[in-house]
């Protein structure tokens, strides 16, 4: 079984969130801001920490880690999110490796 920590360590949070929400604007304390995909948002209210993968929306109060984000946005359970994020990060088993899909998705 793939460990969530291994996936988090292998995942490029900046590339992942840019793909999922579009532009990330530098904010305060190392966080970046974006439009929240979970509610109507005309001013960036989603704060993303690119070091930890944690997010918080100041508008709708959505929050969590990269697995929570993926589950909420794509309507899947934890195991599906873990499997998909492992594929995106290029993790096979518990060992990260090169992923052509990562390059394809995030280029």
PDB file of N, CA and C in Angstrom:
ATOM      1  N   UNK A   1       0.838  -1.185   0.000  1.00  0.00           N
ATOM      2  CA  UNK A   1       0.000   0.000   0.000  1.00  0.00           C
ATOM      3  C   UNK A   1       0.885   1.252   0.000  1.00  0.00           C
ATOM      4  N   UNK A   2       0.479   2.238  -0.715  1.00  0.00           N
ATOM      5  CA  UNK A   2       1.236   3.479  -0.817  1.00  0.00           C
ATOM      6  C   UNK A   2       0.964   4.351   0.398  1.00  0.00           C
ATOM      7  N   UNK A   3       2.015   4.878   0.963  1.00  0.00           N
ATOM      8  CA  UNK A   3       1.907   5.737   2.133  1.00  0.00           C
ATOM      9  C   UNK A   3       1.540   7.162   1.713  1.00  0.00           C
ATOM     10  N   UNK A   4       0.574   7.791   2.395  1.00  0.00           N
ATOM     11  CA  UNK A   4       0.258   9.191   2.100  1.00  0.00           C
ATOM     12  C   UNK A   4       1.466  10.110   2.257  1.00  0.00           C
ATOM     13  N   UNK A   5       2.333   9.822   3.217  1.00  0.00           N
ATOM     14  CA  UNK A   5       3.525  10.658   3.426  1.00  0.00           C
ATOM     15  C   UNK A   5       4.485  10.567   2.244  1.00  0.00           C
ATOM     16  N   UNK A   6       4.625   9.377   1.680  1.00  0.00           N
ATOM     17  CA  UNK A   6       5.488   9.214   0.508  1.00  0.00           C
ATOM     18  C   UNK A   6       4.932  10.024  -0.656  1.00  0.00           C
ATOM     19  N   UNK A   7       3.628   9.988  -0.833  1.00  0.00           N
ATOM     20  CA  UNK A   7       2.996  10.750  -1.914  1.00  0.00           C
ATOM     21  C   UNK A   7       3.194  12.243  -1.681  1.00  0.00           C
ATOM     22  N   UNK A   8       2.959  12.710  -0.466  1.00  0.00           N
ATOM     23  CA  UNK A   8       3.145  14.135  -0.161  1.00  0.00           C
ATOM     24  C   UNK A   8       4.585  14.573  -0.425  1.00  0.00           C
ATOM     25  N   UNK A   9       5.538  13.736  -0.050  1.00  0.00           N
ATOM     26  CA  UNK A   9       6.948  14.082  -0.246  1.00  0.00           C
ATOM     27  C   UNK A   9       7.335  14.122  -1.721  1.00  0.00           C
ATOM     28  N   UNK A  10       6.652  13.358  -2.554  1.00  0.00           N
ATOM     29  CA  UNK A  10       6.993  13.295  -3.973  1.00  0.00           C
ATOM     30  C   UNK A  10       6.210  14.298  -4.817  1.00  0.00           C
ATOM     31  N   UNK A  11       5.098  14.797  -4.299  1.00  0.00           N
ATOM     32  CA  UNK A  11       4.211  15.660  -5.080  1.00  0.00           C
ATOM     33  C   UNK A  11       4.727  17.096  -5.132  1.00  0.00           C
ATOM     34  N   UNK A  12       4.683  17.687  -6.304  1.00  0.00           N
ATOM     35  CA  UNK A  12       5.028  19.094  -6.487  1.00  0.00           C
ATOM     36  C   UNK A  12       3.764  19.904  -6.207  1.00  0.00           C
ATOM     37  N   UNK A  13       3.666  20.455  -4.998  1.00  0.00           N
ATOM     38  CA  UNK A  13       2.453  21.164  -4.600  1.00  0.00           C
ATOM     39  C   UNK A  13       2.170  22.367  -5.491  1.00  0.00           C
ATOM     40  N   UNK A  14       3.188  23.104  -5.871  1.00  0.00           N
ATOM     41  CA  UNK A  14       2.987  24.282  -6.729  1.00  0.00           C
ATOM     42  C   UNK A  14       2.382  23.870  -8.061  1.00  0.00           C
ATOM     43  N   UNK A  15       2.930  22.851  -8.689  1.00  0.00           N
ATOM     44  CA  UNK A  15       2.409  22.394  -9.980  1.00  0.00           C
ATOM     45  C   UNK A  15       0.992  21.848  -9.826  1.00  0.00           C
ATOM     46  N   UNK A  16       0.757  21.084  -8.768  1.00  0.00           N
ATOM     47  CA  UNK A  16      -0.568  20.510  -8.541  1.00  0.00           C
ATOM     48  C   UNK A  16      -1.623  21.606  -8.394  1.00  0.00           C
ATOM     49  N   UNK A  17      -1.375  22.556  -7.504  1.00  0.00           N
ATOM     50  CA  UNK A  17      -2.374  23.593  -7.261  1.00  0.00           C
ATOM     51  C   UNK A  17      -2.539  24.519  -8.465  1.00  0.00           C
ATOM     52  N   UNK A  18      -1.463  24.803  -9.190  1.00  0.00           N
ATOM     53  CA  UNK A  18      -1.606  25.625 -10.402  1.00  0.00           C
ATOM     54  C   UNK A  18      -2.506  24.928 -11.418  1.00  0.00           C
ATOM     55  N   UNK A  19      -2.335  23.621 -11.552  1.00  0.00           N
ATOM     56  CA  UNK A  19      -3.179  22.870 -12.474  1.00  0.00           C
ATOM     57  C   UNK A  19      -4.634  22.886 -12.019  1.00  0.00           C
ATOM     58  N   UNK A  20      -4.862  22.750 -10.731  1.00  0.00           N
ATOM     59  CA  UNK A  20      -6.217  22.644 -10.193  1.00  0.00           C
ATOM     60  C   UNK A  20      -6.950  23.983 -10.096  1.00  0.00           C
ATOM     61  N   UNK A  21      -6.239  25.081  -9.791  1.00  0.00           N
ATOM     62  CA  UNK A  21      -6.925  26.364  -9.563  1.00  0.00           C
ATOM     63  C   UNK A  21      -6.467  27.489 -10.477  1.00  0.00           C
ATOM     64  N   UNK A  22      -5.440  27.262 -11.258  1.00  0.00           N
ATOM     65  CA  UNK A  22      -4.928  28.323 -12.119  1.00  0.00           C
ATOM     66  C   UNK A  22      -3.844  29.121 -11.430  1.00  0.00           C
ATOM     67  N   UNK A  23      -3.848  30.406 -11.661  1.00  0.00           N
ATOM     68  CA  UNK A  23      -2.778  31.271 -11.162  1.00  0.00           C
ATOM     69  C   UNK A  23      -2.715  31.286  -9.635  1.00  0.00           C
ATOM     70  N   UNK A  24      -1.493  31.215  -9.136  1.00  0.00           N
ATOM     71  CA  UNK A  24      -1.225  31.358  -7.705  1.00  0.00           C
ATOM     72  C   UNK A  24      -0.446  32.651  -7.511  1.00  0.00           C
ATOM     73  N   UNK A  25      -0.982  33.531  -6.682  1.00  0.00           N
ATOM     74  CA  UNK A  25      -0.310  34.803  -6.407  1.00  0.00           C
ATOM     75  C   UNK A  25       0.390  34.718  -5.058  1.00  0.00           C
ATOM     76  N   UNK A  26       1.643  35.182  -4.992  1.00  0.00           N
ATOM     77  CA  UNK A  26       2.335  35.171  -3.696  1.00  0.00           C
ATOM     78  C   UNK A  26       1.556  35.975  -2.662  1.00  0.00           C
ATOM     79  N   UNK A  27       1.450  35.411  -1.479  1.00  0.00           N
ATOM     80  CA  UNK A  27       0.757  36.087  -0.380  1.00  0.00           C
ATOM     81  C   UNK A  27       1.710  36.308   0.773  1.00  0.00           C
ATOM     82  N   UNK A  28       1.195  36.191   1.981  1.00  0.00           N
ATOM     83  CA  UNK A  28       2.017  36.408   3.169  1.00  0.00           C
ATOM     84  C   UNK A  28       2.442  35.083   3.788  1.00  0.00           C
ATOM     85  N   UNK A  29       3.485  35.125   4.570  1.00  0.00           N
ATOM     86  CA  UNK A  29       3.985  33.957   5.304  1.00  0.00           C
ATOM     87  C   UNK A  29       4.271  32.753   4.405  1.00  0.00           C
ATOM     88  N   UNK A  30       4.673  32.996   3.161  1.00  0.00           N
ATOM     89  CA  UNK A  30       4.997  31.904   2.248  1.00  0.00           C
ATOM     90  C   UNK A  30       3.798  31.232   1.616  1.00  0.00           C
ATOM     91  N   UNK A  31       2.605  31.709   1.910  1.00  0.00           N
ATOM     92  CA  UNK A  31       1.402  31.146   1.303  1.00  0.00           C
ATOM     93  C   UNK A  31       1.137  31.832  -0.029  1.00  0.00           C
ATOM     94  N   UNK A  32       0.347  31.187  -0.869  1.00  0.00           N
ATOM     95  CA  UNK A  32      -0.058  31.753  -2.150  1.00  0.00           C
ATOM     96  C   UNK A  32      -1.577  31.824  -2.187  1.00  0.00           C
ATOM     97  N   UNK A  33      -2.095  32.763  -2.951  1.00  0.00           N
ATOM     98  CA  UNK A  33      -3.540  32.992  -3.028  1.00  0.00           C
ATOM     99  C   UNK A  33      -4.064  32.607  -4.409  1.00  0.00           C
ATOM    100  N   UNK A  34      -5.296  32.143  -4.440  1.00  0.00           N
ATOM    101  CA  UNK A  34      -5.949  31.781  -5.697  1.00  0.00           C
ATOM    102  C   UNK A  34      -7.459  31.889  -5.516  1.00  0.00           C
ATOM    103  N   UNK A  35      -8.163  31.836  -6.634  1.00  0.00           N
ATOM    104  CA  UNK A  35      -9.619  31.766  -6.569  1.00  0.00           C
ATOM    105  C   UNK A  35     -10.007  30.384  -6.054  1.00  0.00           C
ATOM    106  N   UNK A  36     -10.973  30.338  -5.170  1.00  0.00           N
ATOM    107  CA  UNK A  36     -11.409  29.069  -4.591  1.00  0.00           C
ATOM    108  C   UNK A  36     -12.353  28.351  -5.552  1.00  0.00           C
ATOM    109  N   UNK A  37     -12.089  27.072  -5.817  1.00  0.00           N
ATOM    110  CA  UNK A  37     -12.965  26.324  -6.718  1.00  0.00           C
ATOM    111  C   UNK A  37     -14.233  25.794  -6.044  1.00  0.00           C
ATOM    112  N   UNK A  38     -14.373  26.010  -4.729  1.00  0.00           N
ATOM    113  CA  UNK A  38     -15.483  25.436  -3.987  1.00  0.00           C
ATOM    114  C   UNK A  38     -16.663  26.383  -3.800  1.00  0.00           C
ATOM    115  N   UNK A  39     -16.522  27.629  -4.264  1.00  0.00           N
ATOM    116  CA  UNK A  39     -17.631  28.585  -4.193  1.00  0.00           C
ATOM    117  C   UNK A  39     -17.393  29.674  -5.231  1.00  0.00           C
ATOM    118  N   UNK A  40     -18.409  30.487  -5.486  1.00  0.00           N
ATOM    119  CA  UNK A  40     -18.247  31.628  -6.391  1.00  0.00           C
ATOM    120  C   UNK A  40     -17.229  32.565  -5.767  1.00  0.00           C
ATOM    121  N   UNK A  41     -16.179  32.854  -6.494  1.00  0.00           N
ATOM    122  CA  UNK A  41     -15.080  33.633  -5.925  1.00  0.00           C
ATOM    123  C   UNK A  41     -14.568  34.611  -6.977  1.00  0.00           C
ATOM    124  N   UNK A  42     -14.655  35.890  -6.700  1.00  0.00           N
ATOM    125  CA  UNK A  42     -14.152  36.891  -7.638  1.00  0.00           C
ATOM    126  C   UNK A  42     -12.862  37.539  -7.145  1.00  0.00           C
ATOM    127  N   UNK A  43     -12.557  37.355  -5.868  1.00  0.00           N
ATOM    128  CA  UNK A  43     -11.309  37.838  -5.274  1.00  0.00           C
ATOM    129  C   UNK A  43     -10.629  36.634  -4.637  1.00  0.00           C
ATOM    130  N   UNK A  44      -9.347  36.418  -4.904  1.00  0.00           N
ATOM    131  CA  UNK A  44      -8.698  35.229  -4.343  1.00  0.00           C
ATOM    132  C   UNK A  44      -8.887  35.103  -2.832  1.00  0.00           C
ATOM    133  N   UNK A  45      -9.548  34.031  -2.431  1.00  0.00           N
ATOM    134  CA  UNK A  45      -9.766  33.793  -1.005  1.00  0.00           C
ATOM    135  C   UNK A  45      -9.150  32.472  -0.550  1.00  0.00           C
ATOM    136  N   UNK A  46      -8.602  31.710  -1.497  1.00  0.00           N
ATOM    137  CA  UNK A  46      -7.974  30.431  -1.169  1.00  0.00           C
ATOM    138  C   UNK A  46      -6.496  30.665  -0.886  1.00  0.00           C
ATOM    139  N   UNK A  47      -6.041  30.242   0.281  1.00  0.00           N
ATOM    140  CA  UNK A  47      -4.640  30.352   0.664  1.00  0.00           C
ATOM    141  C   UNK A  47      -4.035  28.954   0.639  1.00  0.00           C
ATOM    142  N   UNK A  48      -2.909  28.814  -0.062  1.00  0.00           N
ATOM    143  CA  UNK A  48      -2.245  27.518  -0.213  1.00  0.00           C
ATOM    144  C   UNK A  48      -0.802  27.639   0.264  1.00  0.00           C
ATOM    145  N   UNK A  49      -0.392  26.712   1.117  1.00  0.00           N
ATOM    146  CA  UNK A  49       0.997  26.660   1.545  1.00  0.00           C
ATOM    147  C   UNK A  49       1.718  25.664   0.653  1.00  0.00           C
ATOM    148  N   UNK A  50       2.651  26.145  -0.155  1.00  0.00           N
ATOM    149  CA  UNK A  50       3.332  25.287  -1.124  1.00  0.00           C
ATOM    150  C   UNK A  50       4.416  24.417  -0.493  1.00  0.00           C
ATOM    151  N   UNK A  51       4.724  24.641   0.779  1.00  0.00           N
ATOM    152  CA  UNK A  51       5.678  23.782   1.482  1.00  0.00           C
ATOM    153  C   UNK A  51       4.984  22.557   2.077  1.00  0.00           C
ATOM    154  N   UNK A  52       3.771  22.745   2.575  1.00  0.00           N
ATOM    155  CA  UNK A  52       3.062  21.657   3.261  1.00  0.00           C
ATOM    156  C   UNK A  52       1.918  21.071   2.450  1.00  0.00           C
ATOM    157  N   UNK A  53       1.418  21.822   1.462  1.00  0.00           N
ATOM    158  CA  UNK A  53       0.261  21.385   0.687  1.00  0.00           C
ATOM    159  C   UNK A  53      -1.062  21.696   1.360  1.00  0.00           C
ATOM    160  N   UNK A  54      -1.042  22.333   2.520  1.00  0.00           N
ATOM    161  CA  UNK A  54      -2.278  22.674   3.226  1.00  0.00           C
ATOM    162  C   UNK A  54      -2.952  23.870   2.556  1.00  0.00           C
ATOM    163  N   UNK A  55      -4.274  23.901   2.622  1.00  0.00           N
ATOM    164  CA  UNK A  55      -5.032  25.015   2.053  1.00  0.00           C
ATOM    165  C   UNK A  55      -6.129  25.445   3.016  1.00  0.00           C
ATOM    166  N   UNK A  56      -6.551  26.710   2.850  1.00  0.00           N
ATOM    167  CA  UNK A  56      -7.648  27.275   3.633  1.00  0.00           C
ATOM    168  C   UNK A  56      -8.322  28.339   2.791  1.00  0.00           C
ATOM    169  N   UNK A  57      -9.637  28.269   2.698  1.00  0.00           N
ATOM    170  CA  UNK A  57     -10.392  29.313   2.017  1.00  0.00           C
ATOM    171  C   UNK A  57     -10.996  30.218   3.085  1.00  0.00           C
ATOM    172  N   UNK A  58     -10.698  31.515   2.976  1.00  0.00           N
ATOM    173  CA  UNK A  58     -11.231  32.474   3.928  1.00  0.00           C
ATOM    174  C   UNK A  58     -12.680  32.832   3.609  1.00  0.00           C
ATOM    175  N   UNK A  59     -13.173  32.416   2.435  1.00  0.00           N
ATOM    176  CA  UNK A  59     -14.558  32.692   2.060  1.00  0.00           C
ATOM    177  C   UNK A  59     -15.512  31.610   2.524  1.00  0.00           C
ATOM    178  N   UNK A  60     -15.239  30.354   2.152  1.00  0.00           N
ATOM    179  CA  UNK A  60     -16.167  29.261   2.471  1.00  0.00           C
ATOM    180  C   UNK A  60     -15.667  28.347   3.585  1.00  0.00           C
ATOM    181  N   UNK A  61     -14.463  28.611   4.098  1.00  0.00           N
ATOM    182  CA  UNK A  61     -13.865  27.863   5.202  1.00  0.00           C
ATOM    183  C   UNK A  61     -13.428  26.451   4.825  1.00  0.00           C
ATOM    184  N   UNK A  62     -13.355  26.120   3.532  1.00  0.00           N
ATOM    185  CA  UNK A  62     -12.806  24.824   3.120  1.00  0.00           C
ATOM    186  C   UNK A  62     -11.347  24.789   3.550  1.00  0.00           C
ATOM    187  N   UNK A  63     -10.903  23.636   4.057  1.00  0.00           N
ATOM    188  CA  UNK A  63      -9.518  23.532   4.497  1.00  0.00           C
ATOM    189  C   UNK A  63      -9.095  22.082   4.557  1.00  0.00           C
ATOM    190  N   UNK A  64      -7.784  21.884   4.554  1.00  0.00           N
ATOM    191  CA  UNK A  64      -7.248  20.538   4.674  1.00  0.00           C
ATOM    192  C   UNK A  64      -5.927  20.398   3.956  1.00  0.00           C
ATOM    193  N   UNK A  65      -5.586  19.141   3.669  1.00  0.00           N
ATOM    194  CA  UNK A  65      -4.346  18.876   2.956  1.00  0.00           C
ATOM    195  C   UNK A  65      -4.646  18.577   1.494  1.00  0.00           C
ATOM    196  N   UNK A  66      -3.642  18.182   0.776  1.00  0.00           N
ATOM    197  CA  UNK A  66      -3.788  17.955  -0.662  1.00  0.00           C
ATOM    198  C   UNK A  66      -4.783  16.817  -0.950  1.00  0.00           C
ATOM    199  N   UNK A  67      -4.867  15.835  -0.069  1.00  0.00           N
ATOM    200  CA  UNK A  67      -5.831  14.745  -0.253  1.00  0.00           C
ATOM    201  C   UNK A  67      -7.257  15.244  -0.060  1.00  0.00           C
ATOM    202  N   UNK A  68      -7.474  16.079   0.956  1.00  0.00           N
ATOM    203  CA  UNK A  68      -8.794  16.672   1.187  1.00  0.00           C
ATOM    204  C   UNK A  68      -9.209  17.524  -0.015  1.00  0.00           C
ATOM    205  N   UNK A  69      -8.254  18.302  -0.529  1.00  0.00           N
ATOM    206  CA  UNK A  69      -8.539  19.158  -1.680  1.00  0.00           C
ATOM    207  C   UNK A  69      -8.963  18.313  -2.877  1.00  0.00           C
ATOM    208  N   UNK A  70      -8.188  17.293  -3.184  1.00  0.00           N
ATOM    209  CA  UNK A  70      -8.485  16.446  -4.339  1.00  0.00           C
ATOM    210  C   UNK A  70      -9.841  15.769  -4.170  1.00  0.00           C
ATOM    211  N   UNK A  71     -10.118  15.260  -2.985  1.00  0.00           N
ATOM    212  CA  UNK A  71     -11.394  14.592  -2.723  1.00  0.00           C
ATOM    213  C   UNK A  71     -12.567  15.548  -2.921  1.00  0.00           C
ATOM    214  N   UNK A  72     -12.453  16.760  -2.375  1.00  0.00           N
ATOM    215  CA  UNK A  72     -13.546  17.729  -2.479  1.00  0.00           C
ATOM    216  C   UNK A  72     -13.755  18.181  -3.920  1.00  0.00           C
ATOM    217  N   UNK A  73     -12.693  18.412  -4.632  1.00  0.00           N
ATOM    218  CA  UNK A  73     -12.813  18.936  -6.001  1.00  0.00           C
ATOM    219  C   UNK A  73     -13.281  17.867  -6.975  1.00  0.00           C
ATOM    220  N   UNK A  74     -12.867  16.625  -6.766  1.00  0.00           N
ATOM    221  CA  UNK A  74     -13.164  15.564  -7.730  1.00  0.00           C
ATOM    222  C   UNK A  74     -14.212  14.569  -7.241  1.00  0.00           C
ATOM    223  N   UNK A  75     -14.760  14.783  -6.052  1.00  0.00           N
ATOM    224  CA  UNK A  75     -15.839  13.937  -5.550  1.00  0.00           C
ATOM    225  C   UNK A  75     -15.471  12.475  -5.398  1.00  0.00           C
ATOM    226  N   UNK A  76     -14.338  12.201  -4.801  1.00  0.00           N
ATOM    227  CA  UNK A  76     -13.919  10.812  -4.629  1.00  0.00           C
ATOM    228  C   UNK A  76     -13.558  10.545  -3.165  1.00  0.00           C
ATOM    229  N   UNK A  77     -13.311   9.279  -2.842  1.00  0.00           N
ATOM    230  CA  UNK A  77     -12.933   8.942  -1.471  1.00  0.00           C
ATOM    231  C   UNK A  77     -11.410   9.028  -1.309  1.00  0.00           C
ATOM    232  N   UNK A  78     -10.950   8.791  -0.088  1.00  0.00           N
ATOM    233  CA  UNK A  78      -9.528   8.941   0.202  1.00  0.00           C
ATOM    234  C   UNK A  78      -8.665   7.990  -0.625  1.00  0.00           C
ATOM    235  N   UNK A  79      -9.073   6.746  -0.739  1.00  0.00           N
ATOM    236  CA  UNK A  79      -8.268   5.767  -1.478  1.00  0.00           C
ATOM    237  C   UNK A  79      -8.112   6.160  -2.945  1.00  0.00           C
ATOM    238  N   UNK A  80      -9.193   6.652  -3.557  1.00  0.00           N
ATOM    239  CA  UNK A  80      -9.101   7.118  -4.942  1.00  0.00           C
ATOM    240  C   UNK A  80      -8.170   8.317  -5.050  1.00  0.00           C
ATOM    241  N   UNK A  81      -8.285   9.254  -4.113  1.00  0.00           N
ATOM    242  CA  UNK A  81      -7.408  10.438  -4.113  1.00  0.00           C
ATOM    243  C   UNK A  81      -5.955  10.010  -3.923  1.00  0.00           C
ATOM    244  N   UNK A  82      -5.698   9.118  -3.004  1.00  0.00           N
ATOM    245  CA  UNK A  82      -4.347   8.630  -2.759  1.00  0.00           C
ATOM    246  C   UNK A  82      -3.773   7.989  -4.021  1.00  0.00           C
ATOM    247  N   UNK A  83      -4.548   7.142  -4.660  1.00  0.00           N
ATOM    248  CA  UNK A  83      -4.082   6.478  -5.879  1.00  0.00           C
ATOM    249  C   UNK A  83      -3.807   7.453  -7.003  1.00  0.00           C
ATOM    250  N   UNK A  84      -4.699   8.403  -7.201  1.00  0.00           N
ATOM    251  CA  UNK A  84      -4.518   9.369  -8.282  1.00  0.00           C
ATOM    252  C   UNK A  84      -3.342  10.297  -8.001  1.00  0.00           C
ATOM    253  N   UNK A  85      -3.216  10.792  -6.778  1.00  0.00           N
ATOM    254  CA  UNK A  85      -2.083  11.661  -6.443  1.00  0.00           C
ATOM    255  C   UNK A  85      -0.764  10.898  -6.493  1.00  0.00           C
ATOM    256  N   UNK A  86      -0.783   9.616  -6.168  1.00  0.00           N
ATOM    257  CA  UNK A  86       0.430   8.794  -6.305  1.00  0.00           C
ATOM    258  C   UNK A  86       0.826   8.695  -7.773  1.00  0.00           C
ATOM    259  N   UNK A  87      -0.149   8.478  -8.646  1.00  0.00           N
ATOM    260  CA  UNK A  87       0.151   8.406 -10.085  1.00  0.00           C
ATOM    261  C   UNK A  87       0.694   9.744 -10.584  1.00  0.00           C
ATOM    262  N   UNK A  88       0.058  10.839 -10.169  1.00  0.00           N
ATOM    263  CA  UNK A  88       0.504  12.170 -10.591  1.00  0.00           C
ATOM    264  C   UNK A  88       1.939  12.425 -10.121  1.00  0.00           C
ATOM    265  N   UNK A  89       2.250  12.003  -8.887  1.00  0.00           N
ATOM    266  CA  UNK A  89       3.579  12.234  -8.319  1.00  0.00           C
ATOM    267  C   UNK A  89       4.613  11.236  -8.821  1.00  0.00           C
ATOM    268  N   UNK A  90       4.166  10.194  -9.509  1.00  0.00           N
ATOM    269  CA  UNK A  90       5.099   9.186 -10.005  1.00  0.00           C
ATOM    270  C   UNK A  90       5.536   8.194  -8.962  1.00  0.00           C
ATOM    271  N   UNK A  91       4.663   7.941  -7.989  1.00  0.00           N
ATOM    272  CA  UNK A  91       4.985   7.004  -6.919  1.00  0.00           C
ATOM    273  C   UNK A  91       4.427   5.632  -7.287  1.00  0.00           C
ATOM    274  N   UNK A  92       5.322   4.634  -7.249  1.00  0.00           N
ATOM    275  CA  UNK A  92       4.927   3.241  -7.474  1.00  0.00           C
ATOM    276  C   UNK A  92       5.268   2.472  -6.223  1.00  0.00           C
ATOM    277  N   UNK A  93       4.280   1.865  -5.593  1.00  0.00           N
ATOM    278  CA  UNK A  93       4.531   1.242  -4.297  1.00  0.00           C
ATOM    279  C   UNK A  93       4.834   2.345  -3.307  1.00  0.00           C
ATOM    280  N   UNK A  94       5.938   2.254  -2.605  1.00  0.00           N
ATOM    281  CA  UNK A  94       6.351   3.310  -1.686  1.00  0.00           C
ATOM    282  C   UNK A  94       7.592   4.027  -2.192  1.00  0.00           C
ATOM    283  N   UNK A  95       7.847   3.941  -3.508  1.00  0.00           N
ATOM    284  CA  UNK A  95       9.056   4.563  -4.041  1.00  0.00           C
ATOM    285  C   UNK A  95       8.701   5.539  -5.151  1.00  0.00           C
ATOM    286  N   UNK A  96       9.081   6.808  -4.980  1.00  0.00           N
ATOM    287  CA  UNK A  96       8.816   7.771  -6.046  1.00  0.00           C
ATOM    288  C   UNK A  96       9.682   7.469  -7.259  1.00  0.00           C
ATOM    289  N   UNK A  97       9.138   7.744  -8.424  1.00  0.00           N
ATOM    290  CA  UNK A  97       9.888   7.568  -9.652  1.00  0.00           C
ATOM    291  C   UNK A  97       9.404   8.553 -10.681  1.00  0.00           C
ATOM    292  N   UNK A  98      10.035   8.569 -11.838  1.00  0.00           N
ATOM    293  CA  UNK A  98       9.621   9.525 -12.862  1.00  0.00           C
ATOM    294  C   UNK A  98       8.211   9.236 -13.345  1.00  0.00           C
ATOM    295  N   UNK A  99       7.476  10.278 -13.618  1.00  0.00           N
ATOM    296  CA  UNK A  99       6.102  10.117 -14.074  1.00  0.00           C
ATOM    297  C   UNK A  99       5.855  10.916 -15.341  1.00  0.00           C
ATOM    298  N   UNK A 100       5.677  10.234 -16.474  1.00  0.00           N
ATOM    299  CA  UNK A 100       5.337  10.962 -17.694  1.00  0.00           C
ATOM    300  C   UNK A 100       4.024  11.716 -17.528  1.00  0.00           C
ATOM    301  N   UNK A 101       3.126  11.198 -16.708  1.00  0.00           N
ATOM    302  CA  UNK A 101       1.844  11.851 -16.501  1.00  0.00           C
ATOM    303  C   UNK A 101       2.026  13.193 -15.800  1.00  0.00           C
ATOM    304  N   UNK A 102       2.945  13.267 -14.839  1.00  0.00           N
ATOM    305  CA  UNK A 102       3.207  14.516 -14.135  1.00  0.00           C
ATOM    306  C   UNK A 102       3.640  15.582 -15.127  1.00  0.00           C
ATOM    307  N   UNK A 103       4.522  15.230 -16.013  1.00  0.00           N
ATOM    308  CA  UNK A 103       5.003  16.166 -17.019  1.00  0.00           C
ATOM    309  C   UNK A 103       3.846  16.578 -17.931  1.00  0.00           C
ATOM    310  N   UNK A 104       3.043  15.613 -18.362  1.00  0.00           N
ATOM    311  CA  UNK A 104       1.931  15.899 -19.268  1.00  0.00           C
ATOM    312  C   UNK A 104       0.895  16.809 -18.612  1.00  0.00           C
ATOM    313  N   UNK A 105       0.523  16.529 -17.385  1.00  0.00           N
ATOM    314  CA  UNK A 105      -0.510  17.296 -16.699  1.00  0.00           C
ATOM    315  C   UNK A 105      -0.038  18.703 -16.388  1.00  0.00           C
ATOM    316  N   UNK A 106       1.167  18.845 -15.909  1.00  0.00           N
ATOM    317  CA  UNK A 106       1.608  20.122 -15.382  1.00  0.00           C
ATOM    318  C   UNK A 106       2.441  20.964 -16.321  1.00  0.00           C
ATOM    319  N   UNK A 107       2.592  20.544 -17.554  1.00  0.00           N
ATOM    320  CA  UNK A 107       3.316  21.385 -18.521  1.00  0.00           C
ATOM    321  C   UNK A 107       2.393  22.393 -19.143  1.00  0.00           C
TER     322      UNK A 107
END
